[in-house]
Amino acid sequence: MQYMVVVEKGANSFGAYVPDLPGCIATAESRDEVLNLIREAIEFHIEGLREDGQPIPAPSSFSAIVDVKAA
């Protein structure tokens, strides 16, 4: 399964979250590190859902880059 991950750069760190898995987040000092951590977080999140007998949300989010003219 492949889930879309949103990565945001902050002043001193990077954050990541998965829109299709509410509450599945990670933070780290580098982009590579946050991507590794969010991968682990997704696996842990899904494992927890399975253990609790909850359904696993199907990936449904997508991304697009939109060009915008500066005002």
C-alpha atoms as a PDB file:
ATOM      1  CA  MET A   1       0.000   0.000   0.000  1.00  0.00           C
ATOM      2  CA  GLN A   2       1.185   3.518  -0.673  1.00  0.00           C
ATOM      3  CA  TYR A   3      -0.001   6.502   1.340  1.00  0.00           C
ATOM      4  CA  MET A   4       0.594  10.126   0.477  1.00  0.00           C
ATOM      5  CA  VAL A   5       2.800  11.843   3.044  1.00  0.00           C
ATOM      6  CA  VAL A   6       2.867  15.604   3.499  1.00  0.00           C
ATOM      7  CA  VAL A   7       6.250  16.948   4.603  1.00  0.00           C
ATOM      8  CA  GLU A   8       6.532  20.497   5.925  1.00  0.00           C
ATOM      9  CA  LYS A   9       9.721  22.367   6.698  1.00  0.00           C
ATOM     10  CA  GLY A  10       9.647  24.393   9.885  1.00  0.00           C
ATOM     11  CA  ALA A  11      12.173  26.881  11.238  1.00  0.00           C
ATOM     12  CA  ASN A  12      14.262  24.178  12.928  1.00  0.00           C
ATOM     13  CA  SER A  13      12.776  20.847  11.903  1.00  0.00           C
ATOM     14  CA  PHE A  14      10.638  18.879   9.487  1.00  0.00           C
ATOM     15  CA  GLY A  15       7.169  17.527  10.150  1.00  0.00           C
ATOM     16  CA  ALA A  16       5.258  14.849   8.266  1.00  0.00           C
ATOM     17  CA  TYR A  17       1.714  13.542   8.379  1.00  0.00           C
ATOM     18  CA  VAL A  18      -0.522  11.152   6.476  1.00  0.00           C
ATOM     19  CA  PRO A  19      -3.926  12.642   5.532  1.00  0.00           C
ATOM     20  CA  ASP A  20      -5.516   9.179   5.214  1.00  0.00           C
ATOM     21  CA  LEU A  21      -4.315   8.101   8.682  1.00  0.00           C
ATOM     22  CA  PRO A  22      -5.405  10.784  11.168  1.00  0.00           C
ATOM     23  CA  GLY A  23      -2.949  11.118  14.032  1.00  0.00           C
ATOM     24  CA  CYS A  24      -0.083   9.507  12.120  1.00  0.00           C
ATOM     25  CA  ILE A  25       2.699  12.098  12.371  1.00  0.00           C
ATOM     26  CA  ALA A  26       6.475  12.405  12.734  1.00  0.00           C
ATOM     27  CA  THR A  27       9.012  15.168  13.329  1.00  0.00           C
ATOM     28  CA  ALA A  28      12.767  15.218  12.816  1.00  0.00           C
ATOM     29  CA  GLU A  29      15.726  17.485  12.170  1.00  0.00           C
ATOM     30  CA  SER A  30      16.153  16.463   8.505  1.00  0.00           C
ATOM     31  CA  ARG A  31      13.946  15.558   5.552  1.00  0.00           C
ATOM     32  CA  ASP A  32      15.478  12.091   5.219  1.00  0.00           C
ATOM     33  CA  GLU A  33      15.019  11.391   8.908  1.00  0.00           C
ATOM     34  CA  VAL A  34      11.376  12.490   8.938  1.00  0.00           C
ATOM     35  CA  LEU A  35      10.636  10.277   5.929  1.00  0.00           C
ATOM     36  CA  ASN A  36      12.167   7.277   7.694  1.00  0.00           C
ATOM     37  CA  LEU A  37      10.220   8.056  10.869  1.00  0.00           C
ATOM     38  CA  ILE A  38       6.889   8.528   9.078  1.00  0.00           C
ATOM     39  CA  ARG A  39       7.368   5.184   7.317  1.00  0.00           C
ATOM     40  CA  GLU A  40       7.787   3.560  10.754  1.00  0.00           C
ATOM     41  CA  ALA A  41       4.818   5.546  12.089  1.00  0.00           C
ATOM     42  CA  ILE A  42       2.582   4.304   9.254  1.00  0.00           C
ATOM     43  CA  GLU A  43       3.531   0.693   9.952  1.00  0.00           C
ATOM     44  CA  PHE A  44       2.942   1.166  13.696  1.00  0.00           C
ATOM     45  CA  HIS A  45      -0.378   2.950  13.088  1.00  0.00           C
ATOM     46  CA  ILE A  46      -1.680   0.191  10.815  1.00  0.00           C
ATOM     47  CA  GLU A  47      -0.510  -2.489  13.245  1.00  0.00           C
ATOM     48  CA  GLY A  48      -2.450  -0.745  16.022  1.00  0.00           C
ATOM     49  CA  LEU A  49      -5.597  -0.536  13.903  1.00  0.00           C
ATOM     50  CA  ARG A  50      -5.350  -4.261  13.139  1.00  0.00           C
ATOM     51  CA  GLU A  51      -4.842  -5.150  16.799  1.00  0.00           C
ATOM     52  CA  ASP A  52      -7.909  -3.085  17.719  1.00  0.00           C
ATOM     53  CA  GLY A  53      -9.995  -4.708  14.969  1.00  0.00           C
ATOM     54  CA  GLN A  54     -10.411  -1.391  13.180  1.00  0.00           C
ATOM     55  CA  PRO A  55     -10.568  -1.074   9.391  1.00  0.00           C
ATOM     56  CA  ILE A  56      -7.420   0.014   7.565  1.00  0.00           C
ATOM     57  CA  PRO A  57      -8.223   3.177   5.570  1.00  0.00           C
ATOM     58  CA  ALA A  58      -7.521   2.796   1.876  1.00  0.00           C
ATOM     59  CA  PRO A  59      -5.182   5.396   0.436  1.00  0.00           C
ATOM     60  CA  SER A  60      -7.330   8.075  -1.183  1.00  0.00           C
ATOM     61  CA  SER A  61      -5.360  11.317  -0.951  1.00  0.00           C
ATOM     62  CA  PHE A  62      -3.378  12.639  -3.878  1.00  0.00           C
ATOM     63  CA  SER A  63      -1.195  15.624  -4.546  1.00  0.00           C
ATOM     64  CA  ALA A  64      -0.840  18.149  -7.317  1.00  0.00           C
ATOM     65  CA  ILE A  65       1.409  21.078  -7.969  1.00  0.00           C
ATOM     66  CA  VAL A  66      -0.493  24.114  -9.197  1.00  0.00           C
ATOM     67  CA  ASP A  67       1.123  27.101 -10.900  1.00  0.00           C
ATOM     68  CA  VAL A  68      -0.154  30.425  -9.611  1.00  0.00           C
ATOM     69  CA  LYS A  69       0.583  33.839 -11.047  1.00  0.00           C
ATOM     70  CA  ALA A  70       2.019  36.273  -8.498  1.00  0.00           C
ATOM     71  CA  ALA A  71      -0.301  39.178  -7.798  1.00  0.00           C
END
